[in-house]
Amino acid sequence: MTDLAQQKQPIGLGLIFLNGFSFSILGTLFLVPGAASIPTLMTLLASASVLATPHARTSLIHLFTHRDSRWIAWPFLIWPIGSMLIAGISPSGLFDDFPHLQLRFVFALSLLALSLLIKPRPSWLLWSLPFAAMLAAAHAGYSIFVEALPRAQAWGAKGMNPIYFGNWSMMIAVLIVIISALATSLSTYLRIGLLVTATLAAWASLASGSRSSLFALGALFPMLLLLRKDKFHRLLVFFILGFIALFALISFNSTTVQRHLRLDSAAQDIAQLRENNHVTSIGTRIVIWQAAWSIFKDHPFTGIGSDGFKREYLRMMEAKEIPAAEVHSQAHSDLLQAMVSRGLVGLLSYVLVIIGPLIFFTLALRRAADNENMRLYAACGLLVVSVTFLFNLTNANFVSKISSMTYPLLICAFAAQVMLSSVDNFKPIAQRKEHA
């Protein structure tokens, strides 16, 4: 990781554009109200640049033919194509969330194609994480101590509910931890400083009361155990395990902590289920998942459209086919939401956008050997995929503007650095650029 903090590259308009873009993905995207429109505009500009530049078009084509990057390119292309294939025959219009949610996966590929040509500095992407962690803590502190809200969230961000805020804050925390563990070329003081910022993001997540954010730890710990590199890393593993044990002990004995983490409400929800009362957070999810599965069995090929779930959910409740519960407009699971809205096509496309990048980063991690840069970025990408999948099990995140943008952009941003860290991966495009 000799070039983590500094890389001597020609500074041009395209480089400044991509560096700023990399920084904005985590630095401002989901923590600043309305900021999701900024990366959307930038991806559109990136797409226009790809179409207008021969080298960029060649780079984009290479993404679909290269042995590794095709695991990202094809799933990200199939995602919107699957929607278009069934839009005309679906009982409900799928274009309600099209193209601003579906096409973002394709636009993200433009960022990857340009990055392979212009080579943005990885430091901009990596150092946006501590910035985002501090910004998350500031949002949480303002929500809790100034606005006196029961759950932390981004300042006035419409549609940014505490679950999204908490989940993505925890995503930042675990990414910083894995970077601190694997960036062995950084000084010990700097790695400790990174961990301090990780605790800020983790606190913001816990303050949001998002219980699903704790799923991220289930992806972080296996990676920390499998990728141990030096003494600092090993000490970090023992420290985190000890901290979790202490935190669990405090949570078990402190009613205040249980209330903030909504652990007491989870116990109450379970107790209500025994009384056949489903009008609770957990009870409603169980009913929603039951309804989603029934809808999928009735409409397995095309689904019922992006806006059809609430209508069918209410009908089933009125017909006593499912117990009475809270009313929601989505299936509270991206897997089930894809099945309900787009049937088997949606199920396939969703599995591909998760499995494809998972294979890409797994292969990169296996081939990294002593390439520290490649190892670091592959681990970050692998963590993004696995944590997102765990979040999506109990929440329909891809139906939100923020998650549908952040996930594909993070995948492509880390994939770009993986490929740029591997000479063999980048050589075909570099050679074309030199010979042109």
Protein backbone atom coordinates (compact mmCIF):
# COMPACT_ATOMS: atom_id res chain seq x y z
CA MET A 1 0.00 0.00 0.00
CA THR A 2 2.82 2.33 -0.79
CA ASP A 3 0.58 4.62 -2.82
CA LEU A 4 -2.40 4.74 -0.48
CA ALA A 5 -1.93 8.31 0.64
CA GLN A 6 -0.09 9.68 -2.37
CA GLN A 7 -0.15 8.90 -6.07
CA LYS A 8 1.57 11.00 -8.70
CA GLN A 9 -0.86 11.21 -11.59
CA PRO A 10 -1.62 13.88 -14.16
CA ILE A 11 -4.32 16.20 -12.83
CA GLY A 12 -6.94 16.87 -15.45
CA LEU A 13 -10.62 17.70 -15.52
CA GLY A 14 -11.56 14.03 -15.73
CA LEU A 15 -9.32 13.11 -12.80
CA ILE A 16 -10.73 15.89 -10.64
CA PHE A 17 -14.24 14.79 -11.63
CA LEU A 18 -13.65 11.15 -10.65
CA ASN A 19 -11.78 12.02 -7.46
CA GLY A 20 -14.60 14.26 -6.33
CA PHE A 21 -17.10 11.65 -7.35
CA SER A 22 -15.33 8.96 -5.33
CA PHE A 23 -15.31 11.22 -2.31
CA SER A 24 -19.00 12.07 -2.63
CA ILE A 25 -20.16 8.45 -2.70
CA LEU A 26 -19.75 8.00 1.03
CA GLY A 27 -18.89 11.51 2.09
CA THR A 28 -22.20 13.14 1.21
CA LEU A 29 -24.46 10.72 -0.64
CA PHE A 30 -26.72 9.43 2.09
CA LEU A 31 -25.97 11.86 4.92
CA VAL A 32 -26.84 15.16 3.27
CA PRO A 33 -30.50 15.89 2.37
CA GLY A 34 -31.03 15.83 -1.36
CA ALA A 35 -27.44 14.77 -2.06
CA ALA A 36 -28.59 11.61 -3.87
CA SER A 37 -29.39 13.78 -6.90
CA ILE A 38 -25.74 14.90 -7.15
CA PRO A 39 -24.23 11.45 -7.85
CA THR A 40 -27.17 10.75 -10.16
CA LEU A 41 -26.26 13.80 -12.24
CA MET A 42 -22.58 12.83 -12.17
CA THR A 43 -23.29 9.30 -13.38
CA LEU A 44 -25.27 10.78 -16.25
CA LEU A 45 -22.28 12.96 -17.13
CA ALA A 46 -20.02 9.91 -16.89
CA SER A 47 -22.34 8.01 -19.23
CA ALA A 48 -22.27 10.90 -21.72
CA SER A 49 -18.47 10.93 -21.53
CA VAL A 50 -18.36 7.20 -22.27
CA LEU A 51 -20.58 7.59 -25.31
CA ALA A 52 -18.53 10.53 -26.62
CA THR A 53 -15.05 9.07 -26.09
CA PRO A 54 -13.76 6.13 -28.18
CA HIS A 55 -11.34 5.01 -25.46
CA ALA A 56 -14.12 5.06 -22.88
CA ARG A 57 -16.43 3.03 -25.14
CA THR A 58 -13.63 0.49 -25.55
CA SER A 59 -13.19 0.41 -21.79
CA LEU A 60 -16.92 -0.17 -21.31
CA ILE A 61 -16.95 -3.05 -23.80
CA HIS A 62 -13.96 -4.55 -22.03
CA LEU A 63 -16.00 -4.71 -18.81
CA PHE A 64 -18.40 -7.17 -20.47
CA THR A 65 -15.67 -9.36 -21.96
CA HIS A 66 -13.02 -9.46 -19.26
CA ARG A 67 -12.94 -12.68 -17.25
CA ASP A 68 -13.51 -10.87 -13.93
CA SER A 69 -15.36 -7.60 -14.54
CA ARG A 70 -18.11 -9.36 -16.49
CA TRP A 71 -19.37 -10.65 -13.12
CA ILE A 72 -20.34 -7.04 -12.39
CA ALA A 73 -21.14 -5.68 -15.87
CA TRP A 74 -23.67 -8.29 -16.98
CA PRO A 75 -25.72 -8.40 -13.74
CA PHE A 76 -25.85 -4.59 -13.65
CA LEU A 77 -27.13 -4.61 -17.25
CA ILE A 78 -29.62 -7.44 -16.70
CA TRP A 79 -31.16 -5.60 -13.74
CA PRO A 80 -32.88 -2.84 -15.82
CA ILE A 81 -33.36 -5.06 -18.88
CA GLY A 82 -35.36 -7.50 -16.77
CA SER A 83 -37.66 -4.65 -15.79
CA MET A 84 -38.16 -3.56 -19.38
CA LEU A 85 -38.89 -7.11 -20.56
CA ILE A 86 -41.88 -7.52 -18.26
CA ALA A 87 -43.03 -3.90 -18.00
CA GLY A 88 -45.46 -4.29 -20.87
CA ILE A 89 -47.16 -7.43 -19.56
CA SER A 90 -47.14 -6.74 -15.82
CA PRO A 91 -50.51 -6.06 -14.18
CA SER A 92 -49.06 -2.87 -12.74
CA GLY A 93 -46.72 -0.33 -14.28
CA LEU A 94 -43.11 -1.03 -13.39
CA PHE A 95 -42.05 2.33 -14.71
CA ASP A 96 -43.17 3.99 -11.48
CA ASP A 97 -39.63 3.47 -10.21
CA PHE A 98 -37.99 3.47 -13.63
CA PRO A 99 -35.52 4.68 -14.74
CA HIS A 100 -34.26 6.57 -11.69
CA LEU A 101 -33.84 3.39 -9.64
CA GLN A 102 -33.21 0.71 -12.25
CA LEU A 103 -30.84 2.54 -14.60
CA ARG A 104 -28.53 3.60 -11.79
CA PHE A 105 -26.88 0.20 -11.97
CA VAL A 106 -26.04 0.80 -15.64
CA PHE A 107 -24.89 4.36 -15.04
CA ALA A 108 -22.53 3.09 -12.33
CA LEU A 109 -20.74 1.03 -14.99
CA SER A 110 -19.81 4.30 -16.69
CA LEU A 111 -17.95 5.30 -13.54
CA LEU A 112 -16.04 2.02 -13.66
CA ALA A 113 -15.21 2.40 -17.37
CA LEU A 114 -13.90 5.95 -16.91
CA SER A 115 -11.96 5.00 -13.80
CA LEU A 116 -9.98 2.39 -15.73
CA LEU A 117 -8.84 5.12 -18.09
CA ILE A 118 -8.35 8.15 -15.84
CA LYS A 119 -7.20 6.32 -12.67
CA PRO A 120 -8.75 8.29 -9.79
CA ARG A 121 -6.77 8.40 -6.58
CA PRO A 122 -7.87 5.64 -4.17
CA SER A 123 -7.12 7.92 -1.24
CA TRP A 124 -10.15 10.08 -2.12
CA LEU A 125 -12.43 7.08 -1.80
CA LEU A 126 -10.82 5.67 1.33
CA TRP A 127 -10.55 8.95 3.20
CA SER A 128 -14.18 9.77 2.49
CA LEU A 129 -15.02 7.07 5.05
CA PRO A 130 -13.71 8.90 8.16
CA PHE A 131 -15.34 12.08 6.87
CA ALA A 132 -18.65 10.26 6.50
CA ALA A 133 -18.25 8.73 9.97
CA MET A 134 -17.83 12.15 11.55
CA LEU A 135 -20.75 13.48 9.53
CA ALA A 136 -22.91 10.54 10.67
CA ALA A 137 -22.04 11.21 14.31
CA ALA A 138 -22.89 14.90 13.85
CA HIS A 139 -26.28 13.98 12.38
CA ALA A 140 -26.96 11.54 15.19
CA GLY A 141 -25.92 14.04 17.86
CA TYR A 142 -28.11 16.75 16.35
CA SER A 143 -31.09 14.39 16.14
CA ILE A 144 -30.77 13.09 19.70
CA PHE A 145 -29.54 16.12 21.66
CA VAL A 146 -30.92 19.10 19.71
CA GLU A 147 -34.09 17.87 18.02
CA ALA A 148 -34.75 15.41 20.89
CA LEU A 149 -35.80 12.70 18.46
CA PRO A 150 -36.12 9.14 19.77
CA ARG A 151 -34.05 7.78 16.86
CA ALA A 152 -31.17 9.40 15.00
CA GLN A 153 -31.45 10.21 11.31
CA ALA A 154 -30.00 12.53 8.69
CA TRP A 155 -30.95 16.18 8.98
CA GLY A 156 -34.27 16.74 7.29
CA ALA A 157 -33.58 14.05 4.68
CA LYS A 158 -36.91 13.17 3.16
CA GLY A 159 -37.25 9.43 2.74
CA MET A 160 -34.13 8.83 4.85
CA ASN A 161 -35.73 6.95 7.71
CA PRO A 162 -33.70 5.82 10.73
CA ILE A 163 -33.27 2.32 9.28
CA TYR A 164 -31.47 3.55 6.15
CA PHE A 165 -29.42 6.00 8.18
CA GLY A 166 -28.45 3.37 10.75
CA ASN A 167 -27.63 0.68 8.21
CA TRP A 168 -25.39 2.84 6.04
CA SER A 169 -23.70 4.34 9.10
CA MET A 170 -22.82 0.82 10.23
CA MET A 171 -21.61 0.06 6.69
CA ILE A 172 -19.16 2.94 7.07
CA ALA A 173 -18.04 1.64 10.46
CA VAL A 174 -17.24 -1.89 9.26
CA LEU A 175 -15.47 -0.61 6.14
CA ILE A 176 -13.22 1.60 8.27
CA VAL A 177 -12.45 -1.34 10.56
CA ILE A 178 -11.44 -3.61 7.66
CA ILE A 179 -9.27 -0.85 6.18
CA SER A 180 -7.55 -0.30 9.52
CA ALA A 181 -6.94 -4.03 9.79
CA LEU A 182 -5.54 -4.55 6.30
CA ALA A 183 -3.71 -1.25 5.61
CA THR A 184 -0.47 -2.50 7.11
CA SER A 185 1.62 0.23 5.44
CA LEU A 186 -0.16 2.94 7.43
CA SER A 187 1.30 4.00 10.75
CA THR A 188 -0.10 2.50 13.94
CA TYR A 189 -1.34 5.92 15.07
CA LEU A 190 -3.20 6.44 11.81
CA ARG A 191 -4.80 3.00 12.02
CA ILE A 192 -5.92 3.73 15.58
CA GLY A 193 -7.30 7.05 14.40
CA LEU A 194 -9.35 5.24 11.79
CA LEU A 195 -10.79 2.98 14.48
CA VAL A 196 -11.82 6.03 16.49
CA THR A 197 -13.83 7.33 13.54
CA ALA A 198 -15.34 3.86 13.12
CA THR A 199 -16.72 4.08 16.65
CA LEU A 200 -18.36 7.40 15.72
CA ALA A 201 -20.19 5.79 12.81
CA ALA A 202 -21.11 2.77 14.95
CA TRP A 203 -22.52 5.07 17.63
CA ALA A 204 -24.60 6.91 15.02
CA SER A 205 -25.95 3.57 13.84
CA LEU A 206 -26.85 2.43 17.35
CA ALA A 207 -28.49 5.79 18.04
CA SER A 208 -30.77 5.22 15.03
CA GLY A 209 -32.24 2.14 16.72
CA SER A 210 -31.82 0.09 13.54
CA ARG A 211 -31.58 -3.48 14.80
CA SER A 212 -30.79 -4.78 11.31
CA SER A 213 -27.57 -2.73 11.30
CA LEU A 214 -26.09 -5.27 13.73
CA PHE A 215 -26.15 -7.82 10.89
CA ALA A 216 -23.06 -6.08 9.53
CA LEU A 217 -21.02 -7.56 12.37
CA GLY A 218 -21.90 -11.02 11.09
CA ALA A 219 -20.05 -10.20 7.86
CA LEU A 220 -17.16 -8.28 9.46
CA PHE A 221 -15.94 -10.85 11.98
CA PRO A 222 -15.41 -13.76 9.56
CA MET A 223 -13.39 -11.48 7.28
CA LEU A 224 -11.28 -10.22 10.17
CA LEU A 225 -10.55 -13.78 11.26
CA LEU A 226 -9.76 -15.05 7.76
CA LEU A 227 -7.63 -12.10 6.63
CA ARG A 228 -5.34 -11.61 9.62
CA LYS A 229 -2.05 -10.07 8.47
CA ASP A 230 -0.03 -8.55 11.34
CA LYS A 231 0.12 -8.06 15.10
CA PHE A 232 -2.09 -4.95 14.96
CA HIS A 233 -4.74 -6.94 13.10
CA ARG A 234 -4.66 -9.79 15.62
CA LEU A 235 -4.89 -7.38 18.55
CA LEU A 236 -7.79 -5.66 16.80
CA VAL A 237 -9.70 -8.95 16.60
CA PHE A 238 -9.24 -9.60 20.32
CA PHE A 239 -10.17 -6.01 21.16
CA ILE A 240 -13.38 -6.10 19.14
CA LEU A 241 -14.42 -9.47 20.56
CA GLY A 242 -13.81 -8.16 24.07
CA PHE A 243 -15.73 -4.97 23.32
CA ILE A 244 -18.69 -6.93 21.96
CA ALA A 245 -18.71 -9.18 25.04
CA LEU A 246 -18.67 -6.12 27.32
CA PHE A 247 -21.35 -4.39 25.26
CA ALA A 248 -23.55 -7.49 25.37
CA LEU A 249 -23.16 -7.67 29.14
CA ILE A 250 -24.10 -4.02 29.55
CA SER A 251 -27.04 -4.37 27.15
CA PHE A 252 -28.33 -7.36 29.08
CA ASN A 253 -28.33 -5.45 32.37
CA SER A 254 -29.14 -1.89 31.27
CA THR A 255 -32.74 -0.96 30.51
CA THR A 256 -31.56 2.35 29.03
CA VAL A 257 -29.38 0.61 26.44
CA GLN A 258 -32.14 -1.87 25.68
CA ARG A 259 -34.56 0.98 25.08
CA HIS A 260 -32.20 2.86 22.73
CA LEU A 261 -31.44 -0.32 20.76
CA ARG A 262 -35.11 -1.28 20.77
CA LEU A 263 -34.23 -4.65 22.27
CA ASP A 264 -37.01 -4.31 24.81
CA SER A 265 -39.54 -3.68 22.04
CA ALA A 266 -38.32 -6.81 20.25
CA ALA A 267 -39.04 -8.87 23.37
CA GLN A 268 -42.46 -7.24 23.64
CA ASP A 269 -43.19 -7.99 19.97
CA ILE A 270 -42.35 -11.65 20.48
CA ALA A 271 -44.60 -11.76 23.54
CA GLN A 272 -47.42 -10.21 21.50
CA LEU A 273 -46.97 -12.88 18.82
CA ARG A 274 -47.71 -15.52 21.42
CA GLU A 275 -51.02 -13.70 21.96
CA ASN A 276 -51.65 -13.76 18.19
CA ASN A 277 -51.17 -10.00 17.95
CA HIS A 278 -49.29 -9.10 14.76
CA VAL A 279 -49.71 -5.30 14.98
CA THR A 280 -46.05 -4.89 15.96
CA SER A 281 -42.77 -4.36 14.11
CA ILE A 282 -41.75 -8.02 14.12
CA GLY A 283 -45.29 -9.33 13.81
CA THR A 284 -46.00 -7.10 10.82
CA ARG A 285 -42.86 -8.29 9.05
CA ILE A 286 -43.93 -11.90 9.47
CA VAL A 287 -47.34 -11.12 7.99
CA ILE A 288 -45.79 -9.10 5.15
CA TRP A 289 -43.42 -11.94 4.26
CA GLN A 290 -46.28 -14.41 4.34
CA ALA A 291 -48.32 -12.18 2.02
CA ALA A 292 -45.35 -11.63 -0.33
CA TRP A 293 -44.75 -15.35 -0.68
CA SER A 294 -48.45 -15.96 -1.44
CA ILE A 295 -48.44 -13.19 -4.05
CA PHE A 296 -45.34 -14.63 -5.69
CA LYS A 297 -46.95 -18.09 -5.90
CA ASP A 298 -50.01 -16.54 -7.59
CA HIS A 299 -47.93 -14.39 -9.99
CA PRO A 300 -44.61 -16.25 -10.37
CA PHE A 301 -43.59 -15.02 -13.84
CA THR A 302 -44.30 -11.29 -14.00
CA GLY A 303 -45.17 -10.33 -10.44
CA ILE A 304 -47.71 -7.60 -9.72
CA GLY A 305 -45.62 -4.50 -10.31
CA SER A 306 -43.77 -2.11 -8.06
CA ASP A 307 -46.92 -0.44 -6.72
CA GLY A 308 -49.16 -3.50 -6.51
CA PHE A 309 -48.07 -4.94 -3.18
CA LYS A 310 -49.99 -2.58 -0.91
CA ARG A 311 -53.21 -3.11 -2.84
CA GLU A 312 -52.93 -6.90 -2.74
CA TYR A 313 -51.74 -6.82 0.88
CA LEU A 314 -54.86 -4.90 1.95
CA ARG A 315 -57.11 -7.23 -0.04
CA MET A 316 -55.62 -10.30 1.63
CA MET A 317 -56.03 -8.72 5.05
CA GLU A 318 -59.68 -7.83 4.41
CA ALA A 319 -60.33 -11.36 3.14
CA LYS A 320 -58.81 -12.76 6.37
CA GLU A 321 -56.16 -14.59 4.34
CA ILE A 322 -53.50 -13.07 6.59
CA PRO A 323 -53.70 -11.72 10.16
CA ALA A 324 -54.34 -8.05 10.79
CA ALA A 325 -51.09 -6.07 10.87
CA GLU A 326 -49.62 -2.66 10.07
CA VAL A 327 -49.99 -1.50 6.46
CA HIS A 328 -46.87 -1.13 4.30
CA SER A 329 -46.32 -0.52 0.61
CA GLN A 330 -43.36 -2.92 0.15
CA ALA A 331 -42.34 -6.41 1.21
CA HIS A 332 -39.67 -5.41 3.76
CA SER A 333 -37.16 -7.66 2.01
CA ASP A 334 -35.40 -6.93 -1.25
CA LEU A 335 -35.48 -10.58 -2.21
CA LEU A 336 -39.24 -10.83 -1.69
CA GLN A 337 -39.82 -7.37 -3.14
CA ALA A 338 -38.08 -8.42 -6.36
CA MET A 339 -40.16 -11.60 -6.49
CA VAL A 340 -43.44 -9.76 -5.84
CA SER A 341 -42.85 -6.88 -8.23
CA ARG A 342 -41.12 -8.73 -11.10
CA GLY A 343 -41.63 -12.45 -10.51
CA LEU A 344 -38.94 -14.90 -11.53
CA VAL A 345 -37.26 -12.24 -13.65
CA GLY A 346 -36.94 -10.05 -10.60
CA LEU A 347 -35.68 -12.92 -8.49
CA LEU A 348 -33.00 -13.78 -11.06
CA SER A 349 -31.89 -10.18 -11.56
CA TYR A 350 -31.65 -9.58 -7.82
CA VAL A 351 -29.63 -12.74 -7.23
CA LEU A 352 -27.27 -11.73 -10.04
CA VAL A 353 -26.58 -8.21 -8.72
CA ILE A 354 -25.59 -9.82 -5.41
CA ILE A 355 -23.81 -13.00 -6.56
CA GLY A 356 -21.96 -11.40 -9.50
CA PRO A 357 -20.01 -8.81 -7.48
CA LEU A 358 -19.52 -11.40 -4.73
CA ILE A 359 -17.73 -13.65 -7.22
CA PHE A 360 -15.69 -10.74 -8.62
CA PHE A 361 -14.32 -9.64 -5.26
CA THR A 362 -13.79 -13.21 -4.06
CA LEU A 363 -11.68 -13.99 -7.12
CA ALA A 364 -9.73 -10.77 -6.65
CA LEU A 365 -9.07 -11.58 -3.02
CA ARG A 366 -7.76 -15.04 -3.92
CA ARG A 367 -5.44 -13.59 -6.59
CA ALA A 368 -4.21 -10.69 -4.51
CA ALA A 369 -1.34 -12.65 -2.87
CA ASP A 370 1.13 -9.94 -1.72
CA ASN A 371 -0.65 -7.14 -3.61
CA GLU A 372 -1.80 -5.11 -0.61
CA ASN A 373 -3.82 -2.58 -2.58
CA MET A 374 -5.75 -5.25 -4.44
CA ARG A 375 -6.31 -7.18 -1.22
CA LEU A 376 -7.66 -4.11 0.57
CA TYR A 377 -10.10 -3.01 -2.13
CA ALA A 378 -11.30 -6.57 -2.75
CA ALA A 379 -12.01 -6.98 0.96
CA CYS A 380 -13.93 -3.68 1.01
CA GLY A 381 -16.00 -4.70 -2.00
CA LEU A 382 -16.69 -8.12 -0.53
CA LEU A 383 -17.83 -6.48 2.69
CA VAL A 384 -20.16 -4.11 0.81
CA VAL A 385 -21.85 -7.03 -0.97
CA SER A 386 -22.23 -9.26 2.06
CA VAL A 387 -23.40 -6.51 4.42
CA THR A 388 -25.89 -5.17 1.86
CA PHE A 389 -27.32 -8.66 1.37
CA LEU A 390 -27.77 -9.07 5.14
CA PHE A 391 -29.44 -5.66 5.39
CA ASN A 392 -31.75 -6.55 2.52
CA LEU A 393 -33.06 -9.69 4.22
CA THR A 394 -35.34 -7.69 6.51
CA ASN A 395 -35.67 -4.40 4.59
CA ALA A 396 -36.48 -3.49 1.00
CA ASN A 397 -33.53 -1.16 0.52
CA PHE A 398 -33.34 -1.17 -3.27
CA VAL A 399 -36.76 0.48 -3.49
CA SER A 400 -35.22 3.55 -1.85
CA LYS A 401 -33.33 6.12 -3.87
CA ILE A 402 -30.40 6.17 -1.52
CA SER A 403 -29.67 2.44 -1.45
CA SER A 404 -30.33 1.88 -5.14
CA MET A 405 -27.62 4.46 -5.83
CA THR A 406 -25.08 3.75 -3.08
CA TYR A 407 -24.74 0.00 -3.61
CA PRO A 408 -23.87 -0.03 -7.35
CA LEU A 409 -21.59 2.99 -7.00
CA LEU A 410 -19.62 1.46 -4.14
CA ILE A 411 -19.30 -1.81 -6.05
CA CYS A 412 -17.95 -0.06 -9.14
CA ALA A 413 -15.70 2.31 -7.17
CA PHE A 414 -13.98 -0.53 -5.30
CA ALA A 415 -13.93 -2.73 -8.42
CA ALA A 416 -12.10 0.05 -10.28
CA GLN A 417 -9.38 0.14 -7.65
CA VAL A 418 -9.13 -3.67 -7.69
CA MET A 419 -8.57 -3.68 -11.44
CA LEU A 420 -6.19 -0.73 -11.34
CA SER A 421 -4.17 -2.52 -8.65
CA SER A 422 -3.75 -5.53 -10.94
CA VAL A 423 -1.49 -4.91 -13.93
CA ASP A 424 -2.87 -7.93 -15.76
CA ASN A 425 -6.44 -6.73 -15.37
CA PHE A 426 -5.72 -3.22 -16.59
CA LYS A 427 -3.27 -4.05 -19.37
CA PRO A 428 -5.81 -4.71 -22.19
CA ILE A 429 -7.33 -1.24 -21.82
CA ALA A 430 -3.99 0.48 -21.25
CA GLN A 431 -2.57 -1.05 -24.40
CA ARG A 432 -5.53 0.13 -26.48
CA LYS A 433 -5.09 3.62 -25.13
CA GLU A 434 -1.36 3.67 -25.96
CA HIS A 435 -1.76 2.32 -29.49
CA ALA A 436 -4.63 4.63 -30.40
